[in-house]
Amino acid sequence: MGFCSSSYVSRKTDFFVEGVDEETIPKIKQISEDVEVVCRILTREPHLSVCSSLDQSGVKVSPELVVEVLRRLTNAGKLALSFFRWAEKQKGFEYSTECYHNLIDALGKIKQFRLIWDLVFVMKEQRILTKETFALISRRYVRAKNIKEAIETFERMRNFDLRPDISDFNSFLDTLGKSKNVKTAQEIFVDMRNRFSPDLKTYTILLEGWGNMLNLGKMTEVYQEMMNGGFEPDIVSYGILIRGFVKCRKLDEAIRLFKEMVARNIKPSPHIYCTLINGLGSEKRLSEALKYFALSKASGSPVDIPMYNAVIGSYCWSHQFENAYRILPEMKSSGLSPNARTYEVILHHLIKAGRIEEAYQVFLRMGDESGCEPELNTYTMIVRMFCSEERVDMALKVWAQMSDNGIIPCMHMYSVLINGLQHQGRLEEACLYFQEMIDRGLRPPGRLYGDLKQALLDGGKGDLAMHMGTKLEMLRTTPLTG
């Protein structure tokens, strides 16, 4: 991403506006600061006092602020709904497709589909309902493993005077394929091919789905059908085929496809180089990985951050951490700044190698570099690392830092911390975080509650186990209203 001299990027919100004048920058900065204030209030205040605290905060509501806060609350559907209901009563609020989509995404993660459909009807009345709304809802149904409802959602578009086209059909197949439901996607493709005439992208989506499932037989079958249909593979198709073979650890076949593509005068994209570097590096074929990195630079293709991350990962796979660290200044000298993902690659391998203190120092270093601040995934890695080492106090310290930065934990992160506390016998604290998770509308996995309940019963805390069970049942049976 190229930043012009008058661009502004907020430290925590990734708020980016290109080409703004100097008078606009203070406004953008103020919105970013207000987003931080709102998120801190929402994550720290008891539910009943949130509205009054927001009223007293002095925050000025704007369309940009609402969209950004809702985006930040993607893992906290109840908080997102509370904020939305407060914001829509404030001066400066405007209904938009984007703010509804961010809210729907958050509610979908906690399976509040009845409420989501209420919002759909409101959006229709406000004339801001789009086909992308249905794509989003279908995606949430698929992630919740409600495939039948996802298909019905795609079909319901027509009931709202929206006619799906091949682009919408491809998007739906892509959602299924990326959620390991490519078999269903293939069946729908066959059933609906008379309604939607498949194009190259349709076949490419199916290729990717079967490749992700490591089913080279089906991937090859779809490829042959694509060729028989008169579609020649393009750079995207080649990239997906190469990635499929890399995922199946058929690296020599991936390299053969790369050479075939070059022979057909199709210039490899940075993404394809990145795929090969990642694959070769993970198999500890470091010299070959570096060869493709050199090839990419010699070809004149722009070397992007993901490619540098792949090179760093390749060094890490071979436990050459010092060489991995040396790539960081090289990135900066080429005008690219390492991002959170860059450091997460290093952290993953340091943790895997048992270099815990070094990993923690790398994590601390992230907070000192602009644009590299730890993200939710980073915090999850470090909390899991300390819990695995039975250093729960350090995990709690990192958790507190995350909260101070306005980052809201997801269900998986709660599970990691609760399990860590439970294994250390700190059951009351585990229950506090379990309660907090439920209060935020996050449904814990059955095993998490089962293990906690058993530990409470074994510890003579049956009343507490019963209380947790009652709260969980209320979450499961009481729909959100709004």
Protein backbone atom coordinates (compact mmCIF):
# COMPACT_ATOMS: atom_id res chain seq x y z
CA MET A 1 0.00 0.00 0.00
CA GLY A 2 1.43 3.33 -0.97
CA PHE A 3 0.94 6.21 1.46
CA CYS A 4 1.08 9.74 0.11
CA SER A 5 2.54 12.48 2.26
CA SER A 6 -0.86 13.73 3.40
CA SER A 7 -2.23 10.36 4.47
CA TYR A 8 -3.16 9.53 8.03
CA VAL A 9 -3.22 6.10 9.60
CA SER A 10 -4.45 5.68 13.16
CA ARG A 11 -2.32 3.60 15.49
CA LYS A 12 -5.04 1.14 16.39
CA THR A 13 -7.96 1.53 14.04
CA ASP A 14 -6.22 1.17 10.65
CA PHE A 15 -8.18 4.28 9.71
CA PHE A 16 -6.78 5.21 6.30
CA VAL A 17 -7.71 8.08 4.04
CA GLU A 18 -5.56 8.81 1.00
CA GLY A 19 -4.99 12.21 -0.49
CA VAL A 20 -6.65 14.28 2.23
CA ASP A 21 -5.80 17.92 2.79
CA GLU A 22 -4.12 19.19 5.93
CA GLU A 23 -7.38 20.50 7.38
CA THR A 24 -8.96 17.04 7.27
CA ILE A 25 -6.18 15.26 9.17
CA PRO A 26 -7.17 16.62 12.62
CA LYS A 27 -10.76 15.43 12.03
CA ILE A 28 -9.58 11.93 11.14
CA LYS A 29 -7.33 11.90 14.20
CA GLN A 30 -10.22 12.99 16.43
CA ILE A 31 -12.44 10.20 15.08
CA SER A 32 -9.68 7.66 15.74
CA GLU A 33 -9.29 8.90 19.31
CA ASP A 34 -13.06 8.80 19.82
CA VAL A 35 -13.14 5.20 18.57
CA GLU A 36 -10.60 4.28 21.25
CA VAL A 37 -12.66 6.04 23.94
CA VAL A 38 -15.86 4.25 22.90
CA CYS A 39 -14.21 0.83 22.76
CA ARG A 40 -12.64 1.28 26.18
CA ILE A 41 -16.02 2.22 27.67
CA LEU A 42 -17.75 -0.73 26.04
CA THR A 43 -15.15 -3.24 27.19
CA ARG A 44 -14.77 -1.97 30.75
CA GLU A 45 -18.15 -0.67 31.89
CA PRO A 46 -20.91 -2.94 33.24
CA HIS A 47 -23.64 -3.46 30.63
CA LEU A 48 -26.25 -1.39 32.47
CA SER A 49 -24.05 1.71 32.71
CA VAL A 50 -22.69 1.70 29.15
CA CYS A 51 -25.22 4.19 27.74
CA SER A 52 -24.74 6.73 30.52
CA SER A 53 -20.96 6.44 30.23
CA LEU A 54 -21.16 7.00 26.47
CA ASP A 55 -23.44 10.00 27.04
CA GLN A 56 -20.86 11.53 29.37
CA SER A 57 -17.87 10.72 27.16
CA GLY A 58 -18.21 13.79 24.94
CA VAL A 59 -17.76 11.66 21.84
CA LYS A 60 -19.31 13.14 18.69
CA VAL A 61 -21.10 10.50 16.65
CA SER A 62 -20.36 10.42 12.93
CA PRO A 63 -20.93 7.81 10.19
CA GLU A 64 -17.20 7.06 10.15
CA LEU A 65 -17.04 6.54 13.91
CA VAL A 66 -20.05 4.20 13.93
CA VAL A 67 -18.66 2.03 11.12
CA GLU A 68 -15.23 1.78 12.75
CA VAL A 69 -16.51 0.97 16.25
CA LEU A 70 -18.81 -1.73 14.89
CA ARG A 71 -15.90 -3.17 12.94
CA ARG A 72 -13.83 -3.28 16.11
CA LEU A 73 -16.69 -5.03 17.95
CA THR A 74 -16.85 -7.90 15.48
CA ASN A 75 -16.18 -10.44 18.26
CA ALA A 76 -18.70 -8.90 20.67
CA GLY A 77 -22.17 -9.01 19.16
CA LYS A 78 -24.01 -7.91 22.30
CA LEU A 79 -21.75 -4.89 22.74
CA ALA A 80 -22.09 -4.07 19.05
CA LEU A 81 -25.88 -4.06 19.34
CA SER A 82 -25.79 -1.93 22.51
CA PHE A 83 -23.53 0.60 20.83
CA PHE A 84 -25.64 0.69 17.65
CA ARG A 85 -28.86 1.33 19.60
CA TRP A 86 -27.16 4.11 21.55
CA ALA A 87 -25.55 5.66 18.46
CA GLU A 88 -28.72 5.78 16.35
CA LYS A 89 -30.28 8.14 18.90
CA GLN A 90 -27.39 10.58 18.70
CA LYS A 91 -26.96 13.66 16.55
CA GLY A 92 -24.70 12.95 13.59
CA PHE A 93 -25.79 9.33 13.15
CA GLU A 94 -26.63 8.11 9.65
CA TYR A 95 -27.93 4.68 8.66
CA SER A 96 -25.75 3.05 6.02
CA THR A 97 -25.30 -0.33 4.41
CA GLU A 98 -21.79 -0.53 5.83
CA CYS A 99 -22.77 0.05 9.45
CA TYR A 100 -25.55 -2.55 9.17
CA HIS A 101 -23.14 -5.02 7.59
CA ASN A 102 -20.65 -4.63 10.43
CA LEU A 103 -23.45 -5.15 12.96
CA ILE A 104 -24.81 -8.18 11.09
CA ASP A 105 -21.34 -9.71 10.96
CA ALA A 106 -20.93 -9.34 14.74
CA LEU A 107 -24.42 -10.72 15.44
CA GLY A 108 -23.84 -13.61 13.06
CA LYS A 109 -20.81 -14.70 15.05
CA ILE A 110 -23.07 -15.25 18.06
CA LYS A 111 -25.78 -16.85 15.90
CA GLN A 112 -28.44 -14.17 16.42
CA PHE A 113 -30.05 -14.86 13.05
CA ARG A 114 -33.60 -13.93 14.04
CA LEU A 115 -32.42 -10.45 14.95
CA ILE A 116 -30.38 -10.29 11.74
CA TRP A 117 -33.49 -10.90 9.64
CA ASP A 118 -35.28 -8.14 11.55
CA LEU A 119 -32.46 -5.83 10.46
CA VAL A 120 -32.81 -7.01 6.85
CA PHE A 121 -36.44 -5.87 6.77
CA VAL A 122 -35.44 -2.51 8.28
CA MET A 123 -32.72 -2.12 5.63
CA LYS A 124 -35.29 -2.83 2.93
CA GLU A 125 -37.55 -0.08 4.28
CA GLN A 126 -34.57 2.29 4.32
CA ARG A 127 -33.67 1.28 0.73
CA ILE A 128 -30.11 0.31 1.64
CA LEU A 129 -30.44 -3.46 1.28
CA THR A 130 -27.98 -4.99 -1.20
CA LYS A 131 -27.06 -8.38 -2.57
CA GLU A 132 -23.89 -8.19 -0.47
CA THR A 133 -26.12 -8.23 2.63
CA PHE A 134 -27.35 -11.69 1.66
CA ALA A 135 -23.83 -12.84 0.84
CA LEU A 136 -22.76 -11.79 4.34
CA ILE A 137 -25.67 -13.61 6.01
CA SER A 138 -25.00 -16.73 3.94
CA ARG A 139 -21.36 -16.60 5.03
CA ARG A 140 -22.37 -16.43 8.69
CA TYR A 141 -24.77 -19.35 8.28
CA VAL A 142 -22.03 -21.40 6.64
CA ARG A 143 -19.58 -20.60 9.44
CA ALA A 144 -22.27 -21.71 11.91
CA LYS A 145 -22.58 -24.96 9.93
CA ASN A 146 -26.17 -24.13 8.93
CA ILE A 147 -25.73 -24.98 5.26
CA LYS A 148 -29.43 -25.41 4.52
CA GLU A 149 -30.17 -21.92 5.84
CA ALA A 150 -27.26 -20.50 3.84
CA ILE A 151 -28.72 -21.89 0.61
CA GLU A 152 -32.17 -20.56 1.53
CA THR A 153 -30.65 -17.11 2.14
CA PHE A 154 -29.12 -17.09 -1.33
CA GLU A 155 -32.51 -18.00 -2.81
CA ARG A 156 -34.38 -15.41 -0.69
CA MET A 157 -32.70 -12.54 -2.51
CA ARG A 158 -35.42 -12.71 -5.14
CA ASN A 159 -38.09 -12.16 -2.47
CA PHE A 160 -36.52 -8.74 -1.86
CA ASP A 161 -36.46 -7.78 -5.56
CA LEU A 162 -32.76 -8.56 -5.86
CA ARG A 163 -31.76 -10.83 -8.74
CA PRO A 164 -28.60 -12.87 -8.20
CA ASP A 165 -26.22 -13.05 -11.16
CA ILE A 166 -23.14 -15.15 -11.90
CA SER A 167 -21.03 -12.90 -9.66
CA ASP A 168 -23.34 -13.56 -6.69
CA PHE A 169 -23.41 -17.28 -7.51
CA ASN A 170 -19.62 -17.39 -7.58
CA SER A 171 -19.45 -15.54 -4.28
CA PHE A 172 -21.78 -18.10 -2.69
CA LEU A 173 -19.76 -21.04 -4.03
CA ASP A 174 -16.59 -19.35 -2.74
CA THR A 175 -18.11 -19.03 0.74
CA LEU A 176 -18.90 -22.74 0.77
CA GLY A 177 -15.50 -23.72 -0.61
CA LYS A 178 -13.54 -21.64 1.88
CA SER A 179 -15.49 -23.24 4.75
CA LYS A 180 -14.59 -26.81 3.73
CA ASN A 181 -17.98 -27.36 2.11
CA VAL A 182 -16.69 -27.71 -1.43
CA LYS A 183 -18.65 -30.97 -1.90
CA THR A 184 -21.86 -28.99 -1.34
CA ALA A 185 -20.56 -26.22 -3.60
CA GLN A 186 -19.93 -28.78 -6.35
CA GLU A 187 -23.46 -30.18 -5.97
CA ILE A 188 -25.01 -26.69 -6.13
CA PHE A 189 -22.85 -25.91 -9.17
CA VAL A 190 -24.30 -28.95 -10.95
CA ASP A 191 -27.88 -28.20 -9.85
CA MET A 192 -27.80 -24.53 -10.84
CA ARG A 193 -25.56 -24.49 -13.90
CA ASN A 194 -28.61 -24.00 -16.13
CA ARG A 195 -29.56 -20.85 -14.15
CA PHE A 196 -26.03 -19.48 -13.97
CA SER A 197 -23.74 -20.04 -16.92
CA PRO A 198 -20.35 -20.83 -15.32
CA ASP A 199 -17.35 -18.68 -16.16
CA LEU A 200 -13.64 -19.11 -15.53
CA LYS A 201 -14.00 -17.77 -11.98
CA THR A 202 -16.63 -20.43 -11.19
CA TYR A 203 -14.21 -23.21 -12.04
CA THR A 204 -11.36 -21.43 -10.27
CA ILE A 205 -13.41 -21.33 -7.05
CA LEU A 206 -14.09 -25.07 -7.26
CA LEU A 207 -10.41 -25.75 -7.98
CA GLU A 208 -9.46 -23.83 -4.85
CA GLY A 209 -12.05 -25.62 -2.73
CA TRP A 210 -10.85 -29.09 -3.71
CA GLY A 211 -7.22 -28.01 -3.35
CA ASN A 212 -7.88 -26.79 0.18
CA MET A 213 -9.40 -30.20 0.96
CA LEU A 214 -6.21 -31.84 -0.38
CA ASN A 215 -8.29 -33.71 -2.97
CA LEU A 216 -6.06 -33.59 -6.03
CA GLY A 217 -8.26 -36.10 -7.87
CA LYS A 218 -11.32 -33.83 -7.77
CA MET A 219 -9.19 -30.76 -8.43
CA THR A 220 -7.81 -32.39 -11.58
CA GLU A 221 -11.32 -33.47 -12.60
CA VAL A 222 -12.65 -29.91 -12.33
CA TYR A 223 -9.61 -28.63 -14.21
CA GLN A 224 -10.31 -31.03 -17.06
CA GLU A 225 -13.98 -30.00 -17.15
CA MET A 226 -12.89 -26.37 -17.25
CA MET A 227 -10.60 -27.04 -20.21
CA ASN A 228 -13.33 -29.02 -21.99
CA GLY A 229 -15.63 -26.05 -21.52
CA GLY A 230 -13.24 -23.88 -23.50
CA PHE A 231 -11.68 -22.03 -20.55
CA GLU A 232 -7.91 -21.62 -20.59
CA PRO A 233 -6.24 -21.19 -17.19
CA ASP A 234 -5.20 -17.63 -16.38
CA ILE A 235 -2.78 -16.37 -13.77
CA VAL A 236 -5.37 -16.77 -10.99
CA SER A 237 -6.17 -20.36 -12.01
CA TYR A 238 -2.48 -21.24 -12.16
CA GLY A 239 -1.94 -19.68 -8.76
CA ILE A 240 -4.72 -21.78 -7.24
CA LEU A 241 -3.50 -24.98 -8.91
CA ILE A 242 0.04 -24.34 -7.68
CA ARG A 243 -1.26 -23.63 -4.18
CA GLY A 244 -3.28 -26.88 -4.25
CA PHE A 245 -0.20 -28.94 -5.09
CA VAL A 246 1.87 -27.08 -2.48
CA LYS A 247 -0.75 -27.79 0.20
CA CYS A 248 -0.63 -31.47 -0.78
CA ARG A 249 3.18 -31.31 -0.52
CA LYS A 250 3.55 -32.08 -4.22
CA LEU A 251 6.14 -29.36 -4.67
CA ASP A 252 7.76 -30.74 -7.79
CA GLU A 253 4.36 -30.78 -9.52
CA ALA A 254 3.80 -27.19 -8.37
CA ILE A 255 7.16 -26.20 -9.87
CA ARG A 256 6.22 -27.98 -13.14
CA LEU A 257 3.05 -25.88 -13.32
CA PHE A 258 5.08 -22.74 -12.62
CA LYS A 259 7.37 -23.54 -15.56
CA GLU A 260 4.37 -24.33 -17.79
CA MET A 261 2.86 -20.97 -16.93
CA VAL A 262 6.09 -19.14 -17.77
CA ALA A 263 6.36 -21.07 -21.05
CA ARG A 264 2.88 -19.78 -21.96
CA ASN A 265 4.12 -16.21 -21.40
CA ILE A 266 1.99 -15.73 -18.30
CA LYS A 267 4.04 -13.63 -15.90
CA PRO A 268 3.92 -15.10 -12.36
CA SER A 269 2.33 -12.83 -9.78
CA PRO A 270 3.91 -12.00 -6.41
CA HIS A 271 1.25 -14.27 -4.87
CA ILE A 272 2.51 -17.27 -6.88
CA TYR A 273 6.13 -16.62 -5.90
CA CYS A 274 4.95 -16.29 -2.31
CA THR A 275 3.14 -19.65 -2.49
CA LEU A 276 6.25 -21.45 -3.75
CA ILE A 277 8.53 -19.76 -1.21
CA ASN A 278 6.17 -20.72 1.61
CA GLY A 279 5.87 -24.31 0.39
CA LEU A 280 9.58 -24.86 -0.18
CA GLY A 281 10.47 -23.16 3.08
CA SER A 282 8.08 -25.32 5.10
CA GLU A 283 9.76 -28.42 3.62
CA LYS A 284 13.15 -26.97 4.64
CA ARG A 285 14.17 -26.60 1.00
CA LEU A 286 15.57 -23.20 1.94
CA SER A 287 17.98 -22.71 -0.95
CA GLU A 288 15.17 -23.32 -3.46
CA ALA A 289 12.87 -20.95 -1.59
CA LEU A 290 15.52 -18.24 -1.75
CA LYS A 291 16.04 -18.99 -5.46
CA TYR A 292 12.39 -18.15 -6.17
CA PHE A 293 12.69 -15.01 -4.05
CA ALA A 294 15.65 -13.95 -6.22
CA LEU A 295 13.68 -14.86 -9.37
CA SER A 296 10.79 -12.68 -8.26
CA LYS A 297 13.07 -9.69 -7.76
CA ALA A 298 14.83 -10.28 -11.08
CA SER A 299 11.49 -10.50 -12.90
CA GLY A 300 10.65 -6.93 -11.99
CA SER A 301 7.59 -7.98 -9.99
CA PRO A 302 7.08 -5.80 -6.93
CA VAL A 303 8.25 -7.53 -3.78
CA ASP A 304 5.42 -7.11 -1.29
CA ILE A 305 5.06 -7.70 2.44
CA PRO A 306 3.56 -11.23 2.13
CA MET A 307 6.59 -12.28 0.06
CA TYR A 308 9.01 -10.96 2.66
CA ASN A 309 6.94 -12.73 5.31
CA ALA A 310 7.30 -15.97 3.32
CA VAL A 311 11.09 -15.55 3.21
CA ILE A 312 11.17 -14.87 6.95
CA GLY A 313 9.07 -17.99 7.50
CA SER A 314 11.43 -20.04 5.33
CA TYR A 315 14.40 -19.03 7.47
CA CYS A 316 12.40 -19.82 10.61
CA TRP A 317 11.45 -23.29 9.36
CA SER A 318 15.19 -24.00 9.12
CA HIS A 319 15.73 -22.43 12.58
CA GLN A 320 17.82 -19.63 11.08
CA PHE A 321 16.26 -16.95 13.25
CA GLU A 322 19.16 -14.51 12.92
CA ASN A 323 18.74 -14.50 9.15
CA ALA A 324 15.00 -14.03 9.63
CA TYR A 325 15.65 -10.96 11.79
CA ARG A 326 17.99 -9.55 9.11
CA ILE A 327 15.11 -9.42 6.63
CA LEU A 328 13.34 -6.77 8.75
CA PRO A 329 15.76 -3.90 7.97
CA GLU A 330 15.88 -5.06 4.34
CA MET A 331 12.11 -4.64 4.18
CA LYS A 332 12.35 -1.14 5.60
CA SER A 333 15.12 -0.13 3.21
CA SER A 334 12.91 -1.20 0.30
CA GLY A 335 10.11 1.05 1.56
CA LEU A 336 8.00 -1.68 3.17
CA SER A 337 7.26 -1.76 6.87
CA PRO A 338 6.88 -5.09 8.69
CA ASN A 339 3.31 -5.65 9.84
CA ALA A 340 1.76 -7.67 12.66
CA ARG A 341 1.71 -10.77 10.45
CA THR A 342 5.48 -10.44 9.90
CA TYR A 343 6.09 -10.72 13.62
CA GLU A 344 3.45 -13.43 14.06
CA VAL A 345 5.40 -15.64 11.64
CA ILE A 346 8.50 -15.26 13.81
CA LEU A 347 6.53 -15.72 17.02
CA HIS A 348 4.92 -18.93 15.76
CA HIS A 349 8.31 -20.52 15.12
CA LEU A 350 9.95 -19.21 18.30
CA ILE A 351 7.11 -20.63 20.40
CA LYS A 352 7.25 -23.92 18.51
CA ALA A 353 11.00 -24.08 19.21
CA GLY A 354 10.43 -23.41 22.92
CA ARG A 355 12.22 -20.05 22.84
CA ILE A 356 9.66 -18.47 25.15
CA GLU A 357 11.58 -15.49 26.51
CA GLU A 358 12.80 -14.54 23.05
CA ALA A 359 9.22 -14.75 21.77
CA TYR A 360 8.04 -12.45 24.54
CA GLN A 361 10.76 -9.91 23.74
CA VAL A 362 9.71 -9.94 20.07
CA PHE A 363 6.11 -9.41 21.18
CA LEU A 364 7.13 -6.40 23.30
CA ARG A 365 9.11 -5.00 20.39
CA MET A 366 5.95 -4.97 18.26
CA GLY A 367 4.33 -2.36 20.48
CA ASP A 368 7.23 0.02 19.85
CA GLU A 369 6.94 -0.06 16.05
CA SER A 370 4.29 1.96 14.25
CA GLY A 371 2.04 -0.25 12.15
CA CYS A 372 3.15 -3.41 13.96
CA GLU A 373 1.02 -3.17 17.07
CA PRO A 374 -0.15 -6.61 18.27
CA GLU A 375 -3.53 -7.71 16.94
CA LEU A 376 -6.05 -10.17 18.37
CA ASN A 377 -4.25 -13.14 16.82
CA THR A 378 -0.93 -11.96 18.29
CA TYR A 379 -2.36 -11.68 21.79
CA THR A 380 -3.96 -15.11 21.44
CA MET A 381 -0.58 -16.63 20.55
CA ILE A 382 1.16 -15.08 23.55
CA VAL A 383 -1.61 -15.87 26.05
CA ARG A 384 -1.67 -19.48 24.80
CA MET A 385 2.13 -19.64 25.08
CA PHE A 386 2.16 -18.54 28.72
CA CYS A 387 -0.79 -20.76 29.64
CA SER A 388 1.00 -23.75 28.08
CA GLU A 389 4.04 -22.89 30.19
CA GLU A 390 1.79 -22.66 33.29
CA ARG A 391 2.68 -18.99 33.66
CA VAL A 392 -0.87 -17.78 33.97
CA ASP A 393 0.10 -14.54 35.72
CA MET A 394 2.03 -13.53 32.61
CA ALA A 395 -0.95 -14.51 30.45
CA LEU A 396 -3.16 -12.25 32.58
CA LYS A 397 -0.65 -9.41 32.24
CA VAL A 398 -0.78 -9.70 28.44
CA TRP A 399 -4.58 -9.93 28.60
CA ALA A 400 -4.71 -6.67 30.58
CA GLN A 401 -2.48 -4.96 28.01
CA MET A 402 -4.83 -6.14 25.27
CA SER A 403 -7.84 -4.72 27.11
CA ASP A 404 -6.06 -1.40 27.63
CA ASN A 405 -5.59 -1.23 23.86
CA GLY A 406 -9.31 -1.72 23.28
CA ILE A 407 -8.94 -5.13 21.61
CA ILE A 408 -11.85 -7.46 22.36
CA PRO A 409 -11.06 -11.16 22.87
CA CYS A 410 -12.80 -13.82 20.81
CA MET A 411 -14.28 -17.08 22.07
CA HIS A 412 -11.09 -19.04 21.31
CA MET A 413 -8.98 -16.66 23.38
CA TYR A 414 -11.37 -16.89 26.32
CA SER A 415 -11.16 -20.67 26.06
CA VAL A 416 -7.35 -20.59 26.20
CA LEU A 417 -7.28 -18.39 29.32
CA ILE A 418 -10.11 -20.21 31.13
CA ASN A 419 -8.42 -23.58 30.52
CA GLY A 420 -5.11 -22.15 31.73
CA LEU A 421 -6.66 -20.83 34.94
CA GLN A 422 -8.54 -24.07 35.50
CA HIS A 423 -5.41 -26.20 35.13
CA GLN A 424 -3.70 -24.00 37.73
CA GLY A 425 -6.60 -24.56 40.14
CA ARG A 426 -7.67 -20.91 39.96
CA LEU A 427 -11.32 -21.81 39.53
CA GLU A 428 -12.90 -18.59 40.81
CA GLU A 429 -10.90 -16.56 38.28
CA ALA A 430 -11.77 -19.03 35.53
CA CYS A 431 -15.45 -18.54 36.39
CA LEU A 432 -15.09 -14.76 36.23
CA TYR A 433 -13.80 -14.94 32.66
CA PHE A 434 -16.41 -17.57 31.78
CA GLN A 435 -19.07 -15.17 33.08
CA GLU A 436 -17.56 -12.26 31.13
CA MET A 437 -17.59 -14.33 27.95
CA ILE A 438 -21.28 -15.18 28.41
CA ASP A 439 -22.14 -11.55 29.23
CA ARG A 440 -20.65 -10.59 25.86
CA GLY A 441 -22.91 -13.07 24.12
CA LEU A 442 -20.15 -15.55 23.24
CA ARG A 443 -21.23 -19.17 23.38
CA PRO A 444 -18.48 -21.33 24.86
CA PRO A 445 -17.73 -24.73 23.32
CA GLY A 446 -19.46 -27.57 25.18
CA ARG A 447 -16.19 -29.11 26.28
CA LEU A 448 -15.02 -25.86 27.90
CA TYR A 449 -18.05 -25.74 30.18
CA GLY A 450 -17.96 -29.50 30.76
CA ASP A 451 -14.33 -29.41 31.93
CA LEU A 452 -14.91 -26.33 34.11
CA LYS A 453 -18.05 -27.84 35.63
CA GLN A 454 -16.22 -31.06 36.49
CA ALA A 455 -13.33 -29.14 38.06
CA LEU A 456 -15.81 -27.13 40.17
CA LEU A 457 -17.61 -30.28 41.29
CA ASP A 458 -14.31 -31.97 42.14
CA GLY A 459 -13.35 -28.88 44.13
CA GLY A 460 -16.56 -28.89 46.14
CA LYS A 461 -17.97 -25.86 44.33
CA GLY A 462 -21.23 -27.39 43.10
CA ASP A 463 -23.21 -24.18 43.67
CA LEU A 464 -20.84 -22.24 41.42
CA ALA A 465 -21.07 -24.96 38.77
CA MET A 466 -24.87 -24.75 38.89
CA HIS A 467 -24.76 -20.94 38.61
CA MET A 468 -22.49 -21.13 35.54
CA GLY A 469 -24.81 -23.70 33.99
CA THR A 470 -27.85 -21.48 34.54
CA LYS A 471 -26.12 -18.50 32.92
CA LEU A 472 -25.11 -20.62 29.95
CA GLU A 473 -28.63 -21.97 29.49
CA MET A 474 -30.01 -18.42 29.55
CA LEU A 475 -27.58 -17.45 26.79
CA ARG A 476 -28.63 -20.43 24.70
CA THR A 477 -32.37 -19.94 25.09
CA THR A 478 -32.80 -16.16 25.31
CA PRO A 479 -32.56 -14.37 21.95
CA LEU A 480 -31.15 -10.87 21.81
CA THR A 481 -33.73 -8.17 21.26
CA GLY A 482 -33.07 -4.84 19.73
